[in-house]
Amino acid sequence: MTLGLYLVRRLAASFGLIGAVFFGMLMLFEVVETVRRFGGGDTPMGEIVWLSLLRVPATFYQILPLLTILSSMTLFLGLARSSELVVIRSAGRSAMRMLREPFLATLLFGALLVAGFNPIVAASTRAYQQRLQTLQSPDQLSQISLEGSAIWMRQGDARGQTVIRAQSVAPDGLDFSHVSFMLFARETGVPLVRIEAEQAHLEAGFWRLTNAKRWDLLADNPERDAQRFETLEMASDLTGERIRESFARVGMVSIWDLPDFIAALDRAGLSSRTHRSQYQSELALPVLMAAMMLVGAVLCFKHVRAGNASTRILFTVLAGFALFFLRNFAQVLGENGQIPLSLAIWTPPIASMLLALGVLLHLEDG
């Protein structure tokens, strides 16, 4: 037990050091990219750094499996270089027993990251997108969200902000039913106009409403002066592609809210396959990180005097990138419906783990 805790501490120290280095590099790259994008305008440097800080957690979260295999490689190369690996093996500790505590610790650490760090990443991604949209087009702010069984959208123009609520939407993101529009003044936030329509079709640059009723909320008697229209057109900068992309954008909903969000998408008639893929991918992340730890350990398990240390390091890095690419490729196939979703998400980590165990047993027993 003492040896297992020692290995876990060494693995955690390696992960912390490598994670800090990569986080700093990602932060530097993001600051440079944000300066290139907004540095020529009136955006202050503090705002640029804040935008970069909001963006980095999402990228850092995506490379956690790669950080795990690098941490495992660093741990076991260090043990081999200091001859601790020889002492542990000569004491009668098998490779399988030696890897038990680090494997379980990596599995638990991955589960804690999914449960705790994932909501932080989702919140920072939402804040980044909102702030980025404000900086890019402060006078044309639009936002799309899904709550319960209704679709909420927001669009802006010179008059003010319009909040749109629809009961359901077609899969193409163009046809809506039971839609209400509420126009608010830009400066004061006072409601100006309310429109209810049975059907709404989004065309290039405008809404086409069917069986609509319009209330002027600044009138003395809005109900008495209300107008009815068989068809009514309203200007809009929204597009069906933007609506579909907003619902398909992954990473903005935490794992705790994903089941309800998926159910809401299904009720609204939108495809939830992308978010189902994200949900299963998050559940499989601890298994993938544990598999990466095993792969890094197996490829760097020999003593440095056995030679070819640089070759083993190269193979470990290439194996990590290959498994990472294979996992993303299988996930894309699952999202596109080419293969079953569960098979696409769970096969790469389980296959990687079994492959590592097979190589380890071969090295142990010949």
Protein backbone atom coordinates (compact mmCIF):
# COMPACT_ATOMS: atom_id res chain seq x y z
CA MET A 1 0.00 0.00 0.00
CA THR A 2 2.86 2.36 0.85
CA LEU A 3 4.54 1.69 -2.48
CA GLY A 4 1.25 2.25 -4.30
CA LEU A 5 0.75 5.63 -2.62
CA TYR A 6 4.32 6.58 -3.48
CA LEU A 7 3.73 5.81 -7.15
CA VAL A 8 0.45 7.72 -7.10
CA ARG A 9 2.17 10.77 -5.59
CA ARG A 10 4.89 10.64 -8.22
CA LEU A 11 2.28 10.30 -10.98
CA ALA A 12 0.29 13.24 -9.59
CA ALA A 13 3.43 15.39 -9.41
CA SER A 14 4.29 14.53 -13.02
CA PHE A 15 0.76 15.33 -14.16
CA GLY A 16 0.76 18.63 -12.25
CA LEU A 17 4.07 19.73 -13.72
CA ILE A 18 3.21 18.73 -17.30
CA GLY A 19 -0.30 20.17 -16.96
CA ALA A 20 1.08 23.52 -15.74
CA VAL A 21 3.53 23.69 -18.65
CA PHE A 22 0.84 22.93 -21.23
CA PHE A 23 -1.65 25.32 -19.60
CA GLY A 24 0.92 28.10 -19.79
CA MET A 25 1.69 27.32 -23.43
CA LEU A 26 -1.99 27.26 -24.34
CA MET A 27 -2.52 30.55 -22.51
CA LEU A 28 0.37 32.15 -24.40
CA PHE A 29 -0.90 30.94 -27.77
CA GLU A 30 -4.43 32.09 -27.01
CA VAL A 31 -3.27 35.54 -25.92
CA VAL A 32 -1.28 35.92 -29.15
CA GLU A 33 -4.28 34.81 -31.23
CA THR A 34 -6.66 37.14 -29.36
CA VAL A 35 -4.26 40.08 -29.75
CA ARG A 36 -4.07 39.34 -33.48
CA ARG A 37 -7.85 39.29 -33.62
CA PHE A 38 -8.78 42.28 -31.46
CA GLY A 39 -5.51 44.07 -30.76
CA GLY A 40 -5.99 46.62 -33.52
CA GLY A 41 -9.24 47.96 -32.04
CA ASP A 42 -10.24 49.55 -28.76
CA THR A 43 -10.18 46.29 -26.78
CA PRO A 44 -8.00 46.75 -23.67
CA MET A 45 -5.27 44.25 -22.81
CA GLY A 46 -7.11 43.18 -19.68
CA GLU A 47 -10.10 42.15 -21.77
CA ILE A 48 -7.84 40.20 -24.13
CA VAL A 49 -6.25 38.30 -21.25
CA TRP A 50 -9.67 37.58 -19.76
CA LEU A 51 -10.95 36.23 -23.09
CA SER A 52 -7.90 34.00 -23.36
CA LEU A 53 -8.36 32.74 -19.82
CA LEU A 54 -11.96 31.83 -20.60
CA ARG A 55 -10.93 29.98 -23.76
CA VAL A 56 -8.00 27.94 -22.43
CA PRO A 57 -9.91 25.53 -20.09
CA ALA A 58 -11.86 24.02 -23.00
CA THR A 59 -8.67 23.29 -24.96
CA PHE A 60 -6.88 22.02 -21.85
CA TYR A 61 -9.78 19.70 -21.09
CA GLN A 62 -9.57 18.16 -24.56
CA ILE A 63 -5.89 17.19 -24.21
CA LEU A 64 -6.20 15.52 -20.79
CA PRO A 65 -5.63 12.02 -22.27
CA LEU A 66 -2.39 13.20 -23.88
CA LEU A 67 -1.24 14.74 -20.61
CA THR A 68 -1.95 11.42 -18.89
CA ILE A 69 0.24 9.37 -21.20
CA LEU A 70 3.05 11.93 -20.94
CA SER A 71 2.78 11.87 -17.14
CA SER A 72 2.91 8.08 -17.08
CA MET A 73 5.92 8.09 -19.40
CA THR A 74 7.72 10.63 -17.19
CA LEU A 75 7.00 8.60 -14.04
CA PHE A 76 8.28 5.27 -15.26
CA LEU A 77 11.26 6.71 -17.09
CA GLY A 78 12.20 8.42 -13.84
CA LEU A 79 11.81 5.19 -11.90
CA ALA A 80 13.94 3.35 -14.45
CA ARG A 81 16.64 6.03 -14.47
CA SER A 82 16.95 6.04 -10.66
CA SER A 83 16.95 2.20 -10.56
CA GLU A 84 13.85 2.28 -8.33
CA LEU A 85 12.11 0.12 -10.89
CA VAL A 86 14.80 -2.55 -10.50
CA VAL A 87 14.50 -2.46 -6.71
CA ILE A 88 10.71 -2.78 -6.86
CA ARG A 89 10.89 -5.72 -9.26
CA SER A 90 13.64 -7.44 -7.23
CA ALA A 91 11.45 -7.15 -4.13
CA GLY A 92 8.98 -9.48 -5.83
CA ARG A 93 6.42 -6.87 -6.91
CA SER A 94 4.97 -7.82 -10.29
CA ALA A 95 4.18 -5.25 -12.95
CA MET A 96 0.46 -5.92 -12.60
CA ARG A 97 0.52 -5.21 -8.87
CA MET A 98 2.74 -2.18 -9.36
CA LEU A 99 0.28 -0.60 -11.79
CA ARG A 100 -2.83 -1.32 -9.73
CA GLU A 101 -2.81 1.82 -7.56
CA PRO A 102 -1.79 4.24 -10.35
CA PHE A 103 -4.50 2.74 -12.58
CA LEU A 104 -7.21 3.12 -9.93
CA ALA A 105 -5.99 6.62 -9.03
CA THR A 106 -6.11 7.70 -12.68
CA LEU A 107 -9.60 6.27 -13.04
CA LEU A 108 -10.77 8.14 -9.93
CA PHE A 109 -9.02 11.35 -10.95
CA GLY A 110 -10.69 11.20 -14.38
CA ALA A 111 -14.09 10.76 -12.76
CA LEU A 112 -13.46 13.77 -10.50
CA LEU A 113 -12.43 15.86 -13.51
CA VAL A 114 -15.60 14.93 -15.37
CA ALA A 115 -17.78 15.67 -12.33
CA GLY A 116 -16.07 18.86 -11.19
CA PHE A 117 -13.95 20.37 -13.93
CA ASN A 118 -16.40 19.75 -16.78
CA PRO A 119 -19.03 22.21 -15.42
CA ILE A 120 -16.29 24.84 -15.05
CA VAL A 121 -15.24 24.29 -18.68
CA ALA A 122 -18.85 24.56 -19.84
CA ALA A 123 -19.40 27.79 -17.90
CA SER A 124 -16.17 29.36 -19.20
CA THR A 125 -17.04 28.36 -22.78
CA ARG A 126 -20.48 29.97 -22.51
CA ALA A 127 -18.95 33.14 -21.04
CA TYR A 128 -16.34 33.22 -23.80
CA GLN A 129 -18.92 32.85 -26.58
CA GLN A 130 -21.15 35.55 -25.10
CA ARG A 131 -18.28 37.99 -24.60
CA LEU A 132 -16.85 37.22 -28.04
CA GLN A 133 -20.19 37.83 -29.71
CA THR A 134 -20.55 41.15 -27.90
CA LEU A 135 -17.12 42.31 -29.01
CA GLN A 136 -17.65 41.24 -32.60
CA SER A 137 -21.10 42.79 -33.06
CA PRO A 138 -22.42 44.70 -30.06
CA ASP A 139 -25.36 46.08 -32.05
CA GLN A 140 -26.42 42.75 -33.53
CA LEU A 141 -26.43 40.50 -30.49
CA SER A 142 -28.21 37.18 -30.98
CA GLN A 143 -28.51 34.22 -28.69
CA ILE A 144 -30.24 30.85 -28.99
CA SER A 145 -31.05 28.49 -26.13
CA LEU A 146 -33.34 25.64 -25.20
CA GLU A 147 -35.27 25.48 -21.95
CA GLY A 148 -37.87 22.88 -21.12
CA SER A 149 -39.83 22.19 -24.30
CA ALA A 150 -39.47 25.70 -25.79
CA ILE A 151 -36.81 27.32 -27.97
CA TRP A 152 -35.64 30.76 -26.93
CA MET A 153 -33.84 33.11 -29.33
CA ARG A 154 -32.70 36.69 -29.23
CA GLN A 155 -31.87 39.04 -32.07
CA GLY A 156 -30.87 42.69 -32.14
CA ASP A 157 -31.28 45.62 -34.50
CA ALA A 158 -31.24 49.40 -34.36
CA ARG A 159 -34.58 49.57 -32.48
CA GLY A 160 -33.65 47.16 -29.71
CA GLN A 161 -33.60 43.53 -28.67
CA THR A 162 -36.26 41.02 -29.70
CA VAL A 163 -36.85 37.92 -27.56
CA ILE A 164 -38.39 35.04 -29.51
CA ARG A 165 -40.05 31.96 -28.04
CA ALA A 166 -41.15 28.99 -30.12
CA GLN A 167 -42.86 25.81 -29.01
CA SER A 168 -41.12 23.61 -31.58
CA VAL A 169 -38.81 23.85 -34.56
CA ALA A 170 -38.27 21.70 -37.63
CA PRO A 171 -34.94 19.84 -37.96
CA ASP A 172 -33.80 22.28 -40.66
CA GLY A 173 -34.08 25.19 -38.19
CA LEU A 174 -36.35 27.22 -40.47
CA ASP A 175 -39.97 26.41 -39.54
CA PHE A 176 -41.35 27.21 -36.08
CA SER A 177 -44.77 26.78 -34.51
CA HIS A 178 -46.58 28.83 -31.84
CA VAL A 179 -44.08 31.67 -31.88
CA SER A 180 -44.11 34.86 -29.81
CA PHE A 181 -41.94 37.96 -30.36
CA MET A 182 -41.28 40.61 -27.72
CA LEU A 183 -39.42 43.75 -28.79
CA PHE A 184 -37.64 45.76 -26.06
CA ALA A 185 -36.18 49.25 -26.37
CA ARG A 186 -32.37 49.24 -26.54
CA GLU A 187 -31.67 51.98 -24.00
CA THR A 188 -34.50 51.63 -21.48
CA GLY A 189 -35.47 47.98 -21.86
CA VAL A 190 -39.16 48.94 -22.05
CA PRO A 191 -41.34 46.45 -24.01
CA LEU A 192 -42.51 48.06 -27.25
CA VAL A 193 -44.23 45.42 -29.38
CA ARG A 194 -45.59 41.93 -28.88
CA ILE A 195 -46.41 39.55 -31.75
CA GLU A 196 -47.99 36.09 -31.57
CA ALA A 197 -48.05 33.79 -34.62
CA GLU A 198 -49.17 30.24 -35.26
CA GLN A 199 -46.34 29.56 -37.71
CA ALA A 200 -43.08 31.31 -38.52
CA HIS A 201 -40.73 30.59 -41.41
CA LEU A 202 -37.19 31.99 -41.39
CA GLU A 203 -36.06 33.24 -44.79
CA ALA A 204 -33.02 35.19 -45.91
CA GLY A 205 -33.09 38.37 -43.84
CA PHE A 206 -36.62 38.19 -42.44
CA TRP A 207 -39.30 36.16 -40.65
CA ARG A 208 -42.50 35.26 -42.50
CA LEU A 209 -45.29 34.92 -39.92
CA THR A 210 -48.63 33.22 -40.53
CA ASN A 211 -51.87 34.07 -38.66
CA ALA A 212 -50.13 36.71 -36.57
CA LYS A 213 -51.45 39.20 -34.03
CA ARG A 214 -49.52 42.39 -33.18
CA TRP A 215 -49.87 44.52 -30.04
CA ASP A 216 -48.40 48.01 -29.69
CA LEU A 217 -47.57 48.02 -25.97
CA LEU A 218 -47.12 51.81 -25.87
CA ALA A 219 -50.72 52.42 -26.98
CA ASP A 220 -53.42 53.46 -24.51
CA ASN A 221 -55.30 50.20 -25.05
CA PRO A 222 -53.01 47.59 -26.70
CA GLU A 223 -55.75 44.95 -27.00
CA ARG A 224 -58.22 47.33 -28.64
CA ASP A 225 -55.64 48.58 -31.14
CA ALA A 226 -54.18 45.12 -31.84
CA GLN A 227 -53.83 44.12 -35.48
CA ARG A 228 -54.22 40.74 -37.12
CA PHE A 229 -52.32 39.62 -40.22
CA GLU A 230 -52.60 36.55 -42.38
CA THR A 231 -48.92 37.02 -43.23
CA LEU A 232 -46.43 39.40 -41.64
CA GLU A 233 -42.74 39.95 -42.31
CA MET A 234 -40.12 40.92 -39.72
CA ALA A 235 -36.47 41.70 -40.36
CA SER A 236 -33.97 39.24 -38.85
CA ASP A 237 -30.25 38.47 -38.99
CA LEU A 238 -30.75 34.87 -37.84
CA THR A 239 -30.22 31.95 -40.21
CA GLY A 240 -31.19 28.31 -40.08
CA GLU A 241 -27.51 27.33 -40.14
CA ARG A 242 -26.76 29.49 -37.11
CA ILE A 243 -29.68 27.99 -35.21
CA ARG A 244 -28.60 24.43 -36.00
CA GLU A 245 -25.00 25.18 -35.07
CA SER A 246 -26.06 26.76 -31.80
CA PHE A 247 -27.86 23.62 -30.72
CA ALA A 248 -25.12 21.36 -32.05
CA ARG A 249 -22.25 23.22 -30.35
CA VAL A 250 -20.72 20.88 -27.80
CA GLY A 251 -18.91 21.88 -24.66
CA MET A 252 -21.37 24.56 -23.56
CA VAL A 253 -23.57 22.25 -21.48
CA SER A 254 -22.14 20.54 -18.40
CA ILE A 255 -22.42 16.81 -17.98
CA TRP A 256 -24.95 17.24 -15.16
CA ASP A 257 -27.33 19.16 -17.45
CA LEU A 258 -26.80 17.08 -20.60
CA PRO A 259 -29.49 14.42 -19.94
CA ASP A 260 -32.22 17.08 -19.51
CA PHE A 261 -30.88 19.04 -22.47
CA ILE A 262 -30.94 15.94 -24.68
CA ALA A 263 -34.52 15.22 -23.63
CA ALA A 264 -35.49 18.82 -24.43
CA LEU A 265 -33.89 18.55 -27.87
CA ASP A 266 -35.86 15.37 -28.56
CA ARG A 267 -39.11 17.04 -27.49
CA ALA A 268 -38.39 20.03 -29.73
CA GLY A 269 -37.80 17.77 -32.72
CA LEU A 270 -34.08 18.58 -33.05
CA SER A 271 -31.33 16.01 -33.46
CA SER A 272 -29.59 15.18 -30.18
CA ARG A 273 -27.00 12.79 -31.61
CA THR A 274 -24.10 15.23 -31.15
CA HIS A 275 -24.95 15.83 -27.52
CA ARG A 276 -25.51 12.12 -26.91
CA SER A 277 -22.03 11.56 -28.29
CA GLN A 278 -20.64 14.24 -25.99
CA TYR A 279 -22.38 12.70 -22.97
CA GLN A 280 -21.02 9.22 -23.59
CA SER A 281 -17.60 10.65 -24.40
CA GLU A 282 -17.52 12.38 -21.03
CA LEU A 283 -18.49 9.16 -19.27
CA ALA A 284 -15.73 7.30 -21.12
CA LEU A 285 -13.03 9.90 -20.36
CA PRO A 286 -11.85 8.28 -17.07
CA VAL A 287 -11.49 4.93 -18.85
CA LEU A 288 -9.55 6.59 -21.67
CA MET A 289 -7.21 8.33 -19.23
CA ALA A 290 -6.60 5.04 -17.38
CA ALA A 291 -5.87 3.33 -20.71
CA MET A 292 -3.41 6.09 -21.63
CA MET A 293 -1.66 5.64 -18.29
CA LEU A 294 -1.26 1.90 -18.96
CA VAL A 295 0.07 2.50 -22.48
CA GLY A 296 2.64 5.00 -21.22
CA ALA A 297 3.72 2.65 -18.44
CA VAL A 298 4.06 -0.42 -20.65
CA LEU A 299 6.13 1.33 -23.32
CA CYS A 300 8.54 2.81 -20.73
CA PHE A 301 8.79 -0.13 -18.35
CA LYS A 302 12.32 -1.26 -19.20
CA HIS A 303 15.46 -0.04 -17.43
CA VAL A 304 17.40 2.71 -19.16
CA ARG A 305 20.41 0.38 -19.41
CA ALA A 306 18.36 -1.79 -21.75
CA GLY A 307 18.91 0.94 -24.33
CA ASN A 308 16.62 2.53 -26.92
CA ALA A 309 15.17 4.96 -24.36
CA SER A 310 14.73 7.66 -27.00
CA THR A 311 12.99 5.18 -29.29
CA ARG A 312 10.60 4.19 -26.52
CA ILE A 313 9.85 7.84 -25.80
CA LEU A 314 9.09 8.41 -29.48
CA PHE A 315 6.85 5.35 -29.64
CA THR A 316 5.01 6.47 -26.50
CA VAL A 317 4.31 9.94 -27.89
CA LEU A 318 3.24 8.51 -31.26
CA ALA A 319 1.01 5.94 -29.54
CA GLY A 320 -0.65 8.69 -27.52
CA PHE A 321 -1.39 10.80 -30.58
CA ALA A 322 -2.55 7.74 -32.54
CA LEU A 323 -5.00 6.69 -29.82
CA PHE A 324 -6.19 10.28 -29.44
CA PHE A 325 -6.78 10.55 -33.19
CA LEU A 326 -8.49 7.16 -33.33
CA ARG A 327 -10.83 8.14 -30.53
CA ASN A 328 -11.79 11.42 -32.23
CA PHE A 329 -12.18 9.71 -35.60
CA ALA A 330 -14.46 7.03 -34.15
CA GLN A 331 -16.50 9.71 -32.39
CA VAL A 332 -17.04 11.57 -35.67
CA LEU A 333 -18.19 8.34 -37.30
CA GLY A 334 -20.61 7.78 -34.44
CA GLU A 335 -22.00 11.33 -34.64
CA ASN A 336 -22.57 10.92 -38.38
CA GLY A 337 -24.40 7.62 -37.86
CA GLN A 338 -21.80 5.52 -39.68
CA ILE A 339 -21.36 3.20 -36.69
CA PRO A 340 -23.36 2.76 -33.46
CA LEU A 341 -22.67 5.55 -31.00
CA SER A 342 -21.79 3.33 -28.04
CA LEU A 343 -19.39 1.33 -30.18
CA ALA A 344 -17.71 4.51 -31.43
CA ILE A 345 -17.22 6.00 -27.96
CA TRP A 346 -16.29 2.99 -25.84
CA THR A 347 -14.27 0.83 -28.24
CA PRO A 348 -11.07 3.00 -28.43
CA PRO A 349 -10.45 3.27 -24.63
CA ILE A 350 -11.34 -0.36 -23.92
CA ALA A 351 -9.28 -1.62 -26.87
CA SER A 352 -6.33 0.54 -25.77
CA MET A 353 -6.54 -0.84 -22.26
CA LEU A 354 -6.69 -4.45 -23.44
CA LEU A 355 -3.80 -3.85 -25.83
CA ALA A 356 -1.66 -2.41 -23.04
CA LEU A 357 -2.49 -5.31 -20.74
CA GLY A 358 -1.66 -7.79 -23.50
CA VAL A 359 1.74 -6.21 -24.11
CA LEU A 360 2.40 -6.11 -20.36
CA LEU A 361 1.58 -9.79 -19.92
CA HIS A 362 3.80 -10.62 -22.88
CA LEU A 363 6.71 -8.72 -21.36
CA GLU A 364 6.14 -10.34 -17.99
CA ASP A 365 5.77 -13.95 -19.09
CA GLY A 366 7.53 -13.86 -22.42
